[in-house]
N, C-alpha and C. Protein backbone atom coordinates (compact mmCIF):
# COMPACT_ATOMS: atom_id res chain seq x y z
N UNK A 1 -7.67 -3.83 -13.89
CA UNK A 1 -7.73 -2.33 -12.64
C UNK A 1 -7.07 -2.69 -11.89
N UNK A 2 -6.58 -4.06 -11.29
CA UNK A 2 -5.49 -3.91 -10.34
C UNK A 2 -4.44 -2.90 -10.69
N UNK A 3 -4.07 -2.69 -12.35
CA UNK A 3 -3.20 -1.68 -12.36
C UNK A 3 -3.07 -0.54 -11.64
N UNK A 4 -4.50 -0.66 -12.45
CA UNK A 4 -4.39 1.23 -11.60
C UNK A 4 -4.97 1.41 -10.41
N UNK A 5 -4.91 0.04 -9.25
CA UNK A 5 -5.37 0.08 -8.06
C UNK A 5 -3.12 0.33 -8.27
N UNK A 6 -3.00 -0.61 -8.64
CA UNK A 6 -1.94 -0.78 -7.81
C UNK A 6 -0.75 0.65 -7.85
N UNK A 7 -1.02 1.31 -9.24
CA UNK A 7 0.10 2.51 -9.33
C UNK A 7 -0.36 3.86 -8.36
N UNK A 8 -1.59 3.34 -8.17
CA UNK A 8 -2.45 4.36 -6.76
C UNK A 8 -1.69 3.86 -4.93
N UNK A 9 -2.24 2.58 -4.79
CA UNK A 9 -1.78 1.92 -3.38
C UNK A 9 -0.57 0.74 -3.78
N UNK A 10 -0.60 0.44 -3.92
CA UNK A 10 0.73 -0.49 -4.07
C UNK A 10 0.13 -2.76 -5.04
N UNK A 11 0.95 -3.08 -5.03
CA UNK A 11 0.68 -4.68 -5.43
C UNK A 11 -1.28 -5.39 -4.82
N UNK A 12 -1.93 -5.75 -5.34
CA UNK A 12 -2.22 -6.30 -3.72
C UNK A 12 -1.86 -7.45 -2.73
N UNK A 13 -1.19 -7.82 -3.36
CA UNK A 13 -0.30 -8.80 -2.49
C UNK A 13 0.73 -7.93 -1.14
N UNK A 14 1.26 -7.12 -1.29
CA UNK A 14 2.07 -6.48 -0.61
C UNK A 14 0.78 -5.53 0.27
N UNK A 15 -0.35 -4.77 -0.45
CA UNK A 15 -1.40 -3.93 1.22
C UNK A 15 -1.58 -5.25 1.57
N UNK A 16 -2.63 -6.34 0.96
CA UNK A 16 -3.00 -7.27 1.72
C UNK A 16 -2.32 -7.54 3.50
N UNK A 17 0.06 -7.69 3.05
CA UNK A 17 0.89 -7.96 3.74
C UNK A 17 0.64 -7.16 4.58
N UNK A 18 0.64 -5.30 4.74
CA UNK A 18 0.59 -4.87 4.64
C UNK A 18 -0.18 -4.34 6.37
N UNK A 19 -1.11 -4.02 5.19
CA UNK A 19 -3.21 -3.90 6.40
C UNK A 19 -2.40 -5.19 7.17
N UNK A 20 -2.46 -6.69 6.66
CA UNK A 20 -2.33 -8.22 7.89
C UNK A 20 -1.82 -7.42 9.11
N UNK A 21 -0.11 -7.33 8.65
CA UNK A 21 0.67 -6.80 9.93
C UNK A 21 -0.23 -5.08 10.95
N UNK A 22 -1.11 -4.92 10.35
CA UNK A 22 -1.22 -3.75 11.39
C UNK A 22 -2.27 -4.17 11.95
N UNK A 23 -2.72 -5.45 10.86
CA UNK A 23 -4.17 -5.59 12.14
C UNK A 23 -4.11 -6.90 12.89
N UNK A 24 -2.87 -7.72 12.88
CA UNK A 24 -2.48 -8.32 13.48
C UNK A 24 -2.27 -8.02 14.80
N UNK A 25 -0.89 -6.96 14.11
CA UNK A 25 -0.95 -6.56 15.56
C UNK A 25 -1.17 -5.31 17.21
N UNK A 26 -2.55 -4.64 15.79
CA UNK A 26 -3.72 -4.12 16.78
C UNK A 26 -4.72 -5.34 17.51
N UNK A 27 -4.72 -6.79 16.86
CA UNK A 27 -5.67 -8.38 17.64
C UNK A 27 -4.77 -8.61 18.00
N UNK A 28 -3.01 -8.74 18.95
CA UNK A 28 -2.99 -8.80 19.28
C UNK A 28 -2.16 -8.08 20.07
N UNK A 29 -2.93 -6.80 20.90
CA UNK A 29 -2.64 -6.15 21.55
C UNK A 29 -4.65 -5.86 22.83
N UNK A 30 -5.07 -7.07 22.20
CA UNK A 30 -6.67 -6.55 22.14
C UNK A 30 -6.83 -7.23 22.97
N UNK A 31 -7.24 -7.59 25.18
CA UNK A 31 -7.61 -7.83 26.07
C UNK A 31 -8.52 -9.22 25.40
N UNK A 32 -9.93 -8.26 25.31
CA UNK A 32 -10.74 -9.46 24.57
C UNK A 32 -10.77 -9.41 23.52
N UNK A 33 -11.06 -10.43 23.09
CA UNK A 33 -10.93 -11.49 21.60
C UNK A 33 -12.21 -11.58 20.89
N UNK A 34 -13.23 -11.16 21.16
CA UNK A 34 -14.36 -11.10 20.86
C UNK A 34 -14.07 -9.36 19.77
N UNK A 35 -14.86 -9.13 18.53
CA UNK A 35 -14.04 -7.72 18.13
C UNK A 35 -15.34 -6.86 17.94
N UNK A 36 -15.37 -5.67 18.06
CA UNK A 36 -16.42 -4.86 17.60
C UNK A 36 -16.21 -3.62 17.08
N UNK A 37 -18.30 -2.79 17.41
CA UNK A 37 -17.87 -1.89 16.00
C UNK A 37 -16.68 -0.92 15.80
N UNK A 38 -16.33 -0.78 17.08
CA UNK A 38 -15.27 -0.47 17.13
C UNK A 38 -13.77 -0.26 16.64
N UNK A 39 -13.52 -2.21 16.96
CA UNK A 39 -12.48 -2.64 16.59
C UNK A 39 -12.05 -2.81 15.00
N UNK A 40 -13.44 -2.16 14.54
CA UNK A 40 -13.51 -2.68 13.42
C UNK A 40 -13.56 -0.97 12.28
N UNK A 41 -14.00 0.72 12.97
CA UNK A 41 -13.79 1.40 12.51
C UNK A 41 -11.81 1.48 12.84
N UNK A 42 -11.34 1.57 13.75
CA UNK A 42 -10.49 0.55 14.26
C UNK A 42 -9.21 0.50 12.95
N UNK A 43 -9.72 -0.78 12.70
CA UNK A 43 -8.98 -1.47 11.86
C UNK A 43 -9.11 -1.13 10.04
N UNK A 44 -10.19 -0.19 10.32
CA UNK A 44 -10.22 0.45 8.76
C UNK A 44 -9.14 1.59 8.50
N UNK A 45 -9.49 1.92 9.58
CA UNK A 45 -7.81 3.39 10.05
C UNK A 45 -7.16 2.43 10.00
N UNK A 46 -6.38 1.77 9.86
CA UNK A 46 -5.24 0.88 9.76
C UNK A 46 -5.04 0.26 8.33
N UNK A 47 -6.38 -0.11 7.59
CA UNK A 47 -6.66 -0.39 6.14
C UNK A 47 -6.04 1.02 5.40
N UNK A 48 -6.42 2.18 6.64
CA UNK A 48 -6.67 3.39 5.17
C UNK A 48 -4.80 3.77 6.03
N UNK A 49 -4.23 3.72 7.07
CA UNK A 49 -2.59 3.81 7.00
C UNK A 49 -1.90 3.27 6.16
N UNK A 50 -1.85 1.89 5.85
CA UNK A 50 -1.25 1.31 5.47
C UNK A 50 -1.56 1.69 4.16
N UNK A 51 -2.16 1.88 3.10
CA UNK A 51 -2.50 3.14 2.01
C UNK A 51 -1.49 3.58 1.59
N UNK A 52 -2.18 4.40 2.64
CA UNK A 52 -0.75 5.92 2.77
C UNK A 52 0.21 6.17 3.68
N UNK A 53 0.24 4.53 3.38
CA UNK A 53 2.51 5.20 4.17
C UNK A 53 2.86 4.30 1.94
N UNK A 54 2.23 3.54 1.80
CA UNK A 54 3.28 3.48 0.24
C UNK A 54 2.79 4.88 -0.68
N UNK A 55 1.26 5.40 -0.45
CA UNK A 55 1.26 6.78 -1.40
C UNK A 55 1.08 8.07 0.16
N UNK A 56 1.74 8.58 0.16
CA UNK A 56 1.14 9.77 1.85
C UNK A 56 0.66 10.80 1.15
N UNK A 57 0.30 10.99 -0.02
CA UNK A 57 -0.53 11.39 -0.73
C UNK A 57 -2.05 11.96 -1.20
N UNK A 58 -1.94 10.80 -0.77
CA UNK A 58 -3.36 9.99 -1.31
C UNK A 58 -4.71 11.10 -0.43
N UNK A 59 -5.18 12.15 -1.18
CA UNK A 59 -6.70 12.23 -0.37
C UNK A 59 -7.14 11.70 0.05
N UNK A 60 -7.79 11.13 -1.30
CA UNK A 60 -8.86 10.20 -0.68
C UNK A 60 -8.31 9.04 0.73
N UNK A 61 -7.23 8.26 0.32
CA UNK A 61 -6.92 7.55 1.88
C UNK A 61 -6.99 8.98 3.26
N UNK A 62 -6.43 9.43 2.81
CA UNK A 62 -6.34 11.23 4.36
C UNK A 62 -7.84 11.03 5.10
N UNK A 63 -9.24 11.24 4.03
CA UNK A 63 -9.73 11.60 4.23
C UNK A 63 -11.01 10.24 4.53
N UNK A 64 -10.71 9.55 4.07
CA UNK A 64 -11.46 8.46 4.44
C UNK A 64 -11.11 7.65 6.06
N UNK A 65 -10.09 7.75 6.43
CA UNK A 65 -9.37 7.94 7.53
C UNK A 65 -10.21 9.08 8.67
N UNK A 66 -10.23 10.41 8.24
CA UNK A 66 -11.58 11.18 8.77
C UNK A 66 -12.83 10.41 9.93
N UNK A 67 -12.94 10.13 7.76
CA UNK A 67 -14.31 9.36 8.34
C UNK A 67 -14.82 8.55 9.09
N UNK A 68 -13.81 7.01 8.90
CA UNK A 68 -14.08 6.28 9.65
C UNK A 68 -13.50 6.68 11.21
N UNK A 69 -12.48 7.39 11.90
CA UNK A 69 -12.43 8.51 13.00
C UNK A 69 -14.15 8.55 13.54
N UNK A 70 -14.22 9.46 12.50
CA UNK A 70 -15.74 9.61 13.04
C UNK A 70 -16.89 8.76 13.79
N UNK A 71 -16.90 8.39 12.38
CA UNK A 71 -17.75 6.86 13.02
C UNK A 71 -17.15 6.38 14.04
N UNK A 72 -15.61 6.21 14.70
CA UNK A 72 -15.66 5.72 16.12
C UNK A 72 -15.39 6.43 16.48
N UNK A 73 -15.99 7.05 16.75
CA UNK A 73 -16.66 8.71 17.63
C UNK A 73 -17.67 8.47 17.89
N UNK A 74 -18.37 8.33 16.69
CA UNK A 74 -19.94 7.81 17.03
C UNK A 74 -20.10 6.00 17.59
N UNK A 75 -19.36 5.65 17.71
CA UNK A 75 -19.71 3.36 18.00
C UNK A 75 -19.49 4.30 19.21
N UNK A 76 -17.83 4.65 20.09
CA UNK A 76 -17.80 5.55 20.88
C UNK A 76 -18.49 6.07 21.80
N UNK A 77 -19.30 6.81 21.95
CA UNK A 77 -20.47 7.49 22.20
C UNK A 77 -21.88 6.45 22.71
N UNK A 78 -22.15 6.26 21.86
CA UNK A 78 -23.37 5.69 21.90
C UNK A 78 -23.21 3.74 22.84
N UNK A 79 -24.47 4.05 23.31
CA UNK A 79 -24.33 2.49 23.74
C UNK A 79 -23.45 1.13 23.54
N UNK A 80 -23.02 0.54 23.86
CA UNK A 80 -22.21 -0.62 22.94
C UNK A 80 -23.83 -1.83 22.29
N UNK A 81 -23.73 -2.56 21.58
CA UNK A 81 -25.25 -2.76 20.67
C UNK A 81 -24.28 -4.67 20.84
N UNK A 82 -24.74 -5.39 21.36
CA UNK A 82 -24.17 -7.41 20.72
C UNK A 82 -24.22 -7.41 19.48
N UNK A 83 -23.41 -8.25 18.94
CA UNK A 83 -23.22 -8.56 17.92
C UNK A 83 -23.64 -9.29 16.85
N UNK A 84 -24.32 -9.75 16.02
CA UNK A 84 -25.26 -10.91 16.08
C UNK A 84 -24.24 -11.50 14.84
N UNK A 85 -24.57 -12.88 15.54
CA UNK A 85 -23.63 -14.20 14.61
C UNK A 85 -25.22 -14.26 13.65
N UNK A 86 -23.62 -14.22 12.43
CA UNK A 86 -24.47 -15.29 10.98
C UNK A 86 -24.05 -17.08 11.16
N UNK A 87 -25.38 -17.08 10.30
CA UNK A 87 -26.30 -18.25 10.87
C UNK A 87 -24.95 -18.96 9.23
N UNK A 88 -24.37 -19.66 9.87
CA UNK A 88 -23.73 -20.72 8.32
C UNK A 88 -23.92 -21.79 7.56
């Protein structure tokens, strides 16, 4: 399974490293440390951008960026709702 994905994207450790770089930069630029639903949409877009960096012609990843951007637009146009904490 991972060999097929590595062919499409890259080795998992390289992919995760690239995703971490983008997410770290995004989170470092935030003024509010709490992660919002809009942040999740943005970070999922960045995950796809990291994948597209290795394989810019991968149609599904480009389509996913558009889908997450549409979700972001929906989230941004609705009133914020509190994030529920998960009991551990």
